[in-house]
Amino acid sequence: MDVLGMIYDVLMADPSIKETANGSIKFYEFPETGEVKAPFIIIDPLDVPIPQDFADNTWLTHDCLLQIDVWSKKRTTTRELSGQIRQVMWNVGFSQGSGVDEWDKGTGIFRDARRYRGKLYRDDLDTL
């Protein structure tokens, strides 16, 4: 199961996220502070997907924990984009946990980092 690819696809399927951060959604890669001209979204897995929810001695779901950061030079853009990401993640079964909201005075970058946990059903259940 490609959890990161699935999250990328659902984020890009949202018109406002696609318009605001098209080309700036990355996995694992945090931008150099001087590169932040437009908003960046960074999807960072915090743990490997863990087998959960068992039936007939077979695991059915992946329990996933990841963090999605939004970096931009505008506080309102960072806040709006983070809120839209929260809604998209909720719609695919992820709930928001803890996070960080910060501003770096030296670089002028606003960062909103939120942790999301969710369960995804295995994509091979019909072949078991």
N, C-alpha and C. Protein backbone atom coordinates (compact mmCIF):
# COMPACT_ATOMS: atom_id res chain seq x y z
N MET A 1 0.84 -1.17 0.00
CA MET A 1 0.00 0.00 0.00
C MET A 1 0.89 1.24 0.00
N ASP A 2 0.63 2.13 -0.91
CA ASP A 2 1.38 3.38 -1.01
C ASP A 2 0.60 4.49 -0.32
N VAL A 3 0.78 4.61 0.99
CA VAL A 3 0.04 5.60 1.77
C VAL A 3 0.40 7.01 1.33
N LEU A 4 1.68 7.28 1.13
CA LEU A 4 2.10 8.62 0.74
C LEU A 4 1.52 9.01 -0.62
N GLY A 5 1.53 8.08 -1.56
CA GLY A 5 0.95 8.35 -2.87
C GLY A 5 -0.53 8.62 -2.78
N MET A 6 -1.23 7.86 -1.94
CA MET A 6 -2.67 8.07 -1.76
C MET A 6 -2.94 9.45 -1.17
N ILE A 7 -2.16 9.84 -0.15
CA ILE A 7 -2.35 11.17 0.47
C ILE A 7 -2.06 12.26 -0.54
N TYR A 8 -0.99 12.12 -1.30
CA TYR A 8 -0.67 13.09 -2.35
C TYR A 8 -1.84 13.22 -3.33
N ASP A 9 -2.38 12.10 -3.76
CA ASP A 9 -3.48 12.12 -4.73
C ASP A 9 -4.72 12.82 -4.18
N VAL A 10 -5.07 12.55 -2.91
CA VAL A 10 -6.27 13.21 -2.37
C VAL A 10 -6.04 14.70 -2.14
N LEU A 11 -4.81 15.08 -1.79
CA LEU A 11 -4.52 16.52 -1.66
C LEU A 11 -4.60 17.21 -3.02
N MET A 12 -4.03 16.58 -4.05
CA MET A 12 -4.05 17.18 -5.39
C MET A 12 -5.44 17.17 -6.02
N ALA A 13 -6.33 16.31 -5.53
CA ALA A 13 -7.70 16.27 -6.05
C ALA A 13 -8.53 17.45 -5.54
N ASP A 14 -8.07 18.10 -4.48
CA ASP A 14 -8.76 19.27 -3.95
C ASP A 14 -8.34 20.50 -4.76
N PRO A 15 -9.29 21.18 -5.41
CA PRO A 15 -8.93 22.30 -6.29
C PRO A 15 -8.17 23.43 -5.60
N SER A 16 -8.54 23.80 -4.39
CA SER A 16 -7.85 24.92 -3.74
C SER A 16 -6.44 24.55 -3.31
N ILE A 17 -6.23 23.32 -2.88
CA ILE A 17 -4.87 22.88 -2.53
C ILE A 17 -4.02 22.79 -3.78
N LYS A 18 -4.58 22.23 -4.83
CA LYS A 18 -3.83 22.09 -6.09
C LYS A 18 -3.42 23.47 -6.62
N GLU A 19 -4.33 24.42 -6.58
CA GLU A 19 -4.03 25.76 -7.09
C GLU A 19 -2.97 26.46 -6.24
N THR A 20 -3.07 26.32 -4.93
CA THR A 20 -2.16 27.03 -4.03
C THR A 20 -0.78 26.41 -3.97
N ALA A 21 -0.69 25.08 -4.01
CA ALA A 21 0.60 24.42 -3.77
C ALA A 21 1.01 23.47 -4.88
N ASN A 22 0.48 23.63 -6.08
CA ASN A 22 0.83 22.74 -7.17
C ASN A 22 2.34 22.77 -7.41
N GLY A 23 2.93 21.59 -7.43
CA GLY A 23 4.37 21.50 -7.64
C GLY A 23 5.18 21.63 -6.37
N SER A 24 4.52 21.94 -5.27
CA SER A 24 5.24 22.14 -4.01
C SER A 24 4.82 21.16 -2.93
N ILE A 25 4.30 20.00 -3.33
CA ILE A 25 3.98 18.96 -2.36
C ILE A 25 5.10 17.93 -2.44
N LYS A 26 5.77 17.72 -1.32
CA LYS A 26 6.94 16.85 -1.28
C LYS A 26 6.76 15.76 -0.22
N PHE A 27 7.51 14.67 -0.37
CA PHE A 27 7.60 13.63 0.64
C PHE A 27 8.97 13.74 1.28
N TYR A 28 9.02 13.76 2.59
CA TYR A 28 10.26 13.75 3.37
C TYR A 28 11.12 15.00 3.21
N GLU A 29 11.03 15.70 2.10
CA GLU A 29 11.93 16.81 1.78
C GLU A 29 11.45 18.13 2.36
N PHE A 30 12.26 18.70 3.23
CA PHE A 30 11.95 20.03 3.74
C PHE A 30 12.75 21.03 2.92
N PRO A 31 12.11 22.10 2.47
CA PRO A 31 12.82 23.07 1.61
C PRO A 31 13.84 23.88 2.40
N GLU A 32 14.85 24.34 1.69
CA GLU A 32 15.75 25.33 2.29
C GLU A 32 14.93 26.60 2.50
N THR A 33 15.20 27.31 3.56
CA THR A 33 14.37 28.48 3.87
C THR A 33 14.38 29.51 2.75
N GLY A 34 15.46 29.62 2.03
CA GLY A 34 15.53 30.58 0.93
C GLY A 34 14.71 30.18 -0.28
N GLU A 35 14.30 28.91 -0.34
CA GLU A 35 13.50 28.40 -1.46
C GLU A 35 12.01 28.67 -1.29
N VAL A 36 11.59 29.10 -0.12
CA VAL A 36 10.16 29.24 0.16
C VAL A 36 9.67 30.58 -0.41
N LYS A 37 9.23 30.50 -1.66
CA LYS A 37 8.63 31.66 -2.33
C LYS A 37 7.11 31.48 -2.38
N ALA A 38 6.70 30.25 -2.66
CA ALA A 38 5.29 29.86 -2.68
C ALA A 38 5.10 28.85 -1.55
N PRO A 39 3.85 28.54 -1.18
CA PRO A 39 3.62 27.57 -0.12
C PRO A 39 4.18 26.18 -0.44
N PHE A 40 4.71 25.53 0.57
CA PHE A 40 5.20 24.17 0.49
C PHE A 40 4.36 23.29 1.39
N ILE A 41 4.06 22.08 0.94
CA ILE A 41 3.42 21.06 1.76
C ILE A 41 4.38 19.88 1.81
N ILE A 42 4.68 19.43 3.03
CA ILE A 42 5.59 18.31 3.20
C ILE A 42 4.85 17.20 3.93
N ILE A 43 4.78 16.03 3.30
CA ILE A 43 4.16 14.85 3.90
C ILE A 43 5.28 14.00 4.46
N ASP A 44 5.23 13.76 5.76
CA ASP A 44 6.32 13.07 6.44
C ASP A 44 5.75 11.93 7.30
N PRO A 45 5.96 10.67 6.91
CA PRO A 45 5.47 9.57 7.74
C PRO A 45 6.24 9.53 9.06
N LEU A 46 5.54 9.37 10.15
CA LEU A 46 6.17 9.31 11.47
C LEU A 46 6.35 7.89 11.96
N ASP A 47 5.69 6.95 11.31
CA ASP A 47 5.79 5.54 11.65
C ASP A 47 5.43 4.74 10.41
N VAL A 48 5.84 3.51 10.37
CA VAL A 48 5.44 2.63 9.28
C VAL A 48 3.98 2.23 9.51
N PRO A 49 3.22 1.93 8.44
CA PRO A 49 1.85 1.45 8.64
C PRO A 49 1.86 0.15 9.47
N ILE A 50 1.02 0.12 10.50
CA ILE A 50 0.98 -1.01 11.42
C ILE A 50 -0.28 -1.83 11.18
N PRO A 51 -0.16 -3.17 11.02
CA PRO A 51 -1.34 -4.01 10.83
C PRO A 51 -2.29 -3.89 12.04
N GLN A 52 -3.57 -3.73 11.75
CA GLN A 52 -4.60 -3.59 12.79
C GLN A 52 -5.87 -4.29 12.34
N ASP A 53 -6.82 -4.38 13.24
CA ASP A 53 -8.16 -4.91 12.97
C ASP A 53 -8.10 -6.27 12.29
N PHE A 54 -8.16 -7.29 13.10
CA PHE A 54 -7.98 -8.67 12.64
C PHE A 54 -9.32 -9.40 12.53
N ALA A 55 -9.42 -10.28 11.55
CA ALA A 55 -10.57 -11.17 11.39
C ALA A 55 -10.05 -12.47 10.79
N ASP A 56 -10.46 -13.58 11.36
CA ASP A 56 -10.01 -14.89 10.88
C ASP A 56 -8.50 -14.96 10.76
N ASN A 57 -7.82 -14.41 11.76
CA ASN A 57 -6.36 -14.44 11.84
C ASN A 57 -5.68 -13.70 10.67
N THR A 58 -6.36 -12.70 10.13
CA THR A 58 -5.82 -11.88 9.04
C THR A 58 -5.99 -10.41 9.40
N TRP A 59 -4.93 -9.63 9.22
CA TRP A 59 -5.07 -8.19 9.48
C TRP A 59 -5.77 -7.51 8.31
N LEU A 60 -6.62 -6.54 8.64
CA LEU A 60 -7.48 -5.92 7.64
C LEU A 60 -7.10 -4.48 7.29
N THR A 61 -6.49 -3.78 8.25
CA THR A 61 -6.21 -2.36 8.03
C THR A 61 -4.75 -2.03 8.33
N HIS A 62 -4.34 -0.88 7.81
CA HIS A 62 -3.05 -0.28 8.13
C HIS A 62 -3.36 0.92 9.03
N ASP A 63 -2.74 0.98 10.21
CA ASP A 63 -2.85 2.15 11.08
C ASP A 63 -1.69 3.07 10.71
N CYS A 64 -2.00 4.28 10.27
CA CYS A 64 -0.98 5.18 9.73
C CYS A 64 -0.87 6.45 10.57
N LEU A 65 0.35 6.89 10.79
CA LEU A 65 0.63 8.14 11.50
C LEU A 65 1.58 8.95 10.63
N LEU A 66 1.15 10.16 10.30
CA LEU A 66 2.00 11.03 9.48
C LEU A 66 1.82 12.47 9.90
N GLN A 67 2.75 13.27 9.45
CA GLN A 67 2.71 14.70 9.72
C GLN A 67 2.69 15.43 8.40
N ILE A 68 1.85 16.46 8.32
CA ILE A 68 1.81 17.29 7.12
C ILE A 68 2.13 18.72 7.54
N ASP A 69 3.23 19.22 7.00
CA ASP A 69 3.67 20.59 7.27
C ASP A 69 3.23 21.50 6.14
N VAL A 70 2.89 22.73 6.48
CA VAL A 70 2.66 23.78 5.49
C VAL A 70 3.60 24.92 5.85
N TRP A 71 4.40 25.31 4.88
CA TRP A 71 5.33 26.44 5.05
C TRP A 71 4.96 27.50 4.03
N SER A 72 4.88 28.74 4.48
CA SER A 72 4.71 29.85 3.54
C SER A 72 5.15 31.15 4.19
N LYS A 73 5.21 32.18 3.39
CA LYS A 73 5.61 33.50 3.88
C LYS A 73 4.42 34.32 4.38
N LYS A 74 3.19 33.78 4.21
CA LYS A 74 1.99 34.50 4.64
C LYS A 74 1.24 33.67 5.68
N ARG A 75 0.98 34.28 6.83
CA ARG A 75 0.29 33.59 7.91
C ARG A 75 -1.09 33.10 7.47
N THR A 76 -1.83 33.95 6.77
CA THR A 76 -3.19 33.57 6.37
C THR A 76 -3.17 32.43 5.35
N THR A 77 -2.21 32.43 4.45
CA THR A 77 -2.09 31.34 3.48
C THR A 77 -1.78 30.03 4.20
N THR A 78 -0.84 30.08 5.14
CA THR A 78 -0.48 28.88 5.90
C THR A 78 -1.69 28.35 6.65
N ARG A 79 -2.42 29.22 7.31
CA ARG A 79 -3.58 28.82 8.11
C ARG A 79 -4.69 28.25 7.22
N GLU A 80 -5.00 28.92 6.11
CA GLU A 80 -6.07 28.45 5.22
C GLU A 80 -5.73 27.11 4.58
N LEU A 81 -4.50 26.98 4.12
CA LEU A 81 -4.08 25.74 3.48
C LEU A 81 -4.08 24.58 4.49
N SER A 82 -3.61 24.82 5.70
CA SER A 82 -3.63 23.79 6.74
C SER A 82 -5.06 23.37 7.08
N GLY A 83 -5.97 24.33 7.13
CA GLY A 83 -7.37 24.01 7.40
C GLY A 83 -8.00 23.18 6.29
N GLN A 84 -7.66 23.50 5.06
CA GLN A 84 -8.20 22.73 3.93
C GLN A 84 -7.63 21.31 3.93
N ILE A 85 -6.35 21.18 4.26
CA ILE A 85 -5.74 19.85 4.36
C ILE A 85 -6.44 19.05 5.46
N ARG A 86 -6.72 19.69 6.60
CA ARG A 86 -7.43 18.98 7.68
C ARG A 86 -8.76 18.44 7.20
N GLN A 87 -9.51 19.23 6.42
CA GLN A 87 -10.81 18.79 5.91
C GLN A 87 -10.65 17.60 4.95
N VAL A 88 -9.68 17.69 4.07
CA VAL A 88 -9.44 16.59 3.12
C VAL A 88 -9.04 15.32 3.87
N MET A 89 -8.17 15.45 4.85
CA MET A 89 -7.74 14.29 5.62
C MET A 89 -8.91 13.69 6.40
N TRP A 90 -9.77 14.52 6.95
CA TRP A 90 -10.95 14.03 7.67
C TRP A 90 -11.84 13.24 6.72
N ASN A 91 -11.99 13.73 5.50
CA ASN A 91 -12.86 13.07 4.53
C ASN A 91 -12.36 11.70 4.10
N VAL A 92 -11.05 11.44 4.26
CA VAL A 92 -10.52 10.11 3.92
C VAL A 92 -10.24 9.26 5.16
N GLY A 93 -10.75 9.70 6.32
CA GLY A 93 -10.69 8.87 7.51
C GLY A 93 -9.54 9.12 8.46
N PHE A 94 -8.86 10.25 8.35
CA PHE A 94 -7.77 10.58 9.25
C PHE A 94 -8.21 11.66 10.23
N SER A 95 -7.85 11.49 11.49
CA SER A 95 -8.15 12.51 12.49
C SER A 95 -6.86 13.25 12.83
N GLN A 96 -7.03 14.51 13.22
CA GLN A 96 -5.88 15.34 13.55
C GLN A 96 -5.50 15.15 15.00
N GLY A 97 -4.21 15.05 15.24
CA GLY A 97 -3.68 14.98 16.60
C GLY A 97 -2.96 16.27 16.94
N SER A 98 -1.81 16.15 17.54
CA SER A 98 -1.04 17.32 17.96
C SER A 98 -0.39 18.00 16.76
N GLY A 99 0.24 19.13 17.03
CA GLY A 99 0.91 19.84 15.95
C GLY A 99 1.74 21.00 16.47
N VAL A 100 2.29 21.75 15.54
CA VAL A 100 3.12 22.90 15.85
C VAL A 100 2.68 24.06 14.96
N ASP A 101 2.58 25.24 15.56
CA ASP A 101 2.27 26.46 14.83
C ASP A 101 3.36 27.45 15.20
N GLU A 102 4.21 27.81 14.22
CA GLU A 102 5.32 28.68 14.56
C GLU A 102 5.65 29.65 13.43
N TRP A 103 6.40 30.67 13.80
CA TRP A 103 6.88 31.67 12.86
C TRP A 103 8.35 31.91 13.14
N ASP A 104 9.14 31.91 12.09
CA ASP A 104 10.57 32.16 12.22
C ASP A 104 10.83 33.60 11.83
N LYS A 105 11.16 34.42 12.79
CA LYS A 105 11.38 35.85 12.56
C LYS A 105 12.51 36.10 11.57
N GLY A 106 13.55 35.29 11.64
CA GLY A 106 14.72 35.47 10.77
C GLY A 106 14.42 35.23 9.30
N THR A 107 13.55 34.26 9.01
CA THR A 107 13.25 33.91 7.62
C THR A 107 11.89 34.42 7.17
N GLY A 108 11.03 34.76 8.14
CA GLY A 108 9.67 35.20 7.81
C GLY A 108 8.76 34.06 7.38
N ILE A 109 9.11 32.83 7.73
CA ILE A 109 8.33 31.67 7.31
C ILE A 109 7.38 31.24 8.44
N PHE A 110 6.13 31.05 8.06
CA PHE A 110 5.12 30.50 8.96
C PHE A 110 5.05 29.00 8.69
N ARG A 111 5.01 28.22 9.76
CA ARG A 111 4.97 26.76 9.65
C ARG A 111 3.84 26.23 10.51
N ASP A 112 2.99 25.44 9.90
CA ASP A 112 1.93 24.74 10.61
C ASP A 112 2.13 23.26 10.33
N ALA A 113 2.45 22.50 11.37
CA ALA A 113 2.71 21.07 11.22
C ALA A 113 1.68 20.32 12.04
N ARG A 114 0.88 19.48 11.38
CA ARG A 114 -0.18 18.74 12.07
C ARG A 114 0.02 17.24 11.86
N ARG A 115 -0.26 16.49 12.91
CA ARG A 115 -0.15 15.04 12.85
C ARG A 115 -1.53 14.43 12.62
N TYR A 116 -1.55 13.45 11.75
CA TYR A 116 -2.80 12.78 11.38
C TYR A 116 -2.65 11.27 11.57
N ARG A 117 -3.70 10.67 12.12
CA ARG A 117 -3.73 9.22 12.28
C ARG A 117 -5.00 8.71 11.63
N GLY A 118 -4.85 7.60 10.91
CA GLY A 118 -6.00 7.00 10.27
C GLY A 118 -5.75 5.55 9.91
N LYS A 119 -6.83 4.86 9.63
CA LYS A 119 -6.74 3.46 9.23
C LYS A 119 -7.19 3.34 7.78
N LEU A 120 -6.41 2.61 7.04
CA LEU A 120 -6.73 2.35 5.64
C LEU A 120 -6.87 0.85 5.45
N TYR A 121 -7.93 0.45 4.78
CA TYR A 121 -8.11 -0.97 4.50
C TYR A 121 -7.09 -1.46 3.49
N ARG A 122 -6.65 -2.68 3.65
CA ARG A 122 -5.73 -3.28 2.71
C ARG A 122 -6.35 -3.26 1.32
N ASP A 123 -5.52 -3.08 0.33
CA ASP A 123 -6.04 -3.05 -1.05
C ASP A 123 -6.03 -4.43 -1.69
N ASP A 124 -5.67 -5.46 -0.93
CA ASP A 124 -5.66 -6.82 -1.47
C ASP A 124 -6.66 -7.75 -0.76
N LEU A 125 -7.62 -7.18 -0.06
CA LEU A 125 -8.58 -8.01 0.69
C LEU A 125 -9.37 -8.96 -0.20
N ASP A 126 -9.67 -8.54 -1.41
CA ASP A 126 -10.47 -9.40 -2.30
C ASP A 126 -9.70 -10.60 -2.84
N THR A 127 -8.39 -10.64 -2.64
CA THR A 127 -7.59 -11.77 -3.13
C THR A 127 -7.12 -12.69 -2.01
N LEU A 128 -7.50 -12.40 -0.77
CA LEU A 128 -7.06 -13.25 0.35
C LEU A 128 -7.84 -14.54 0.42
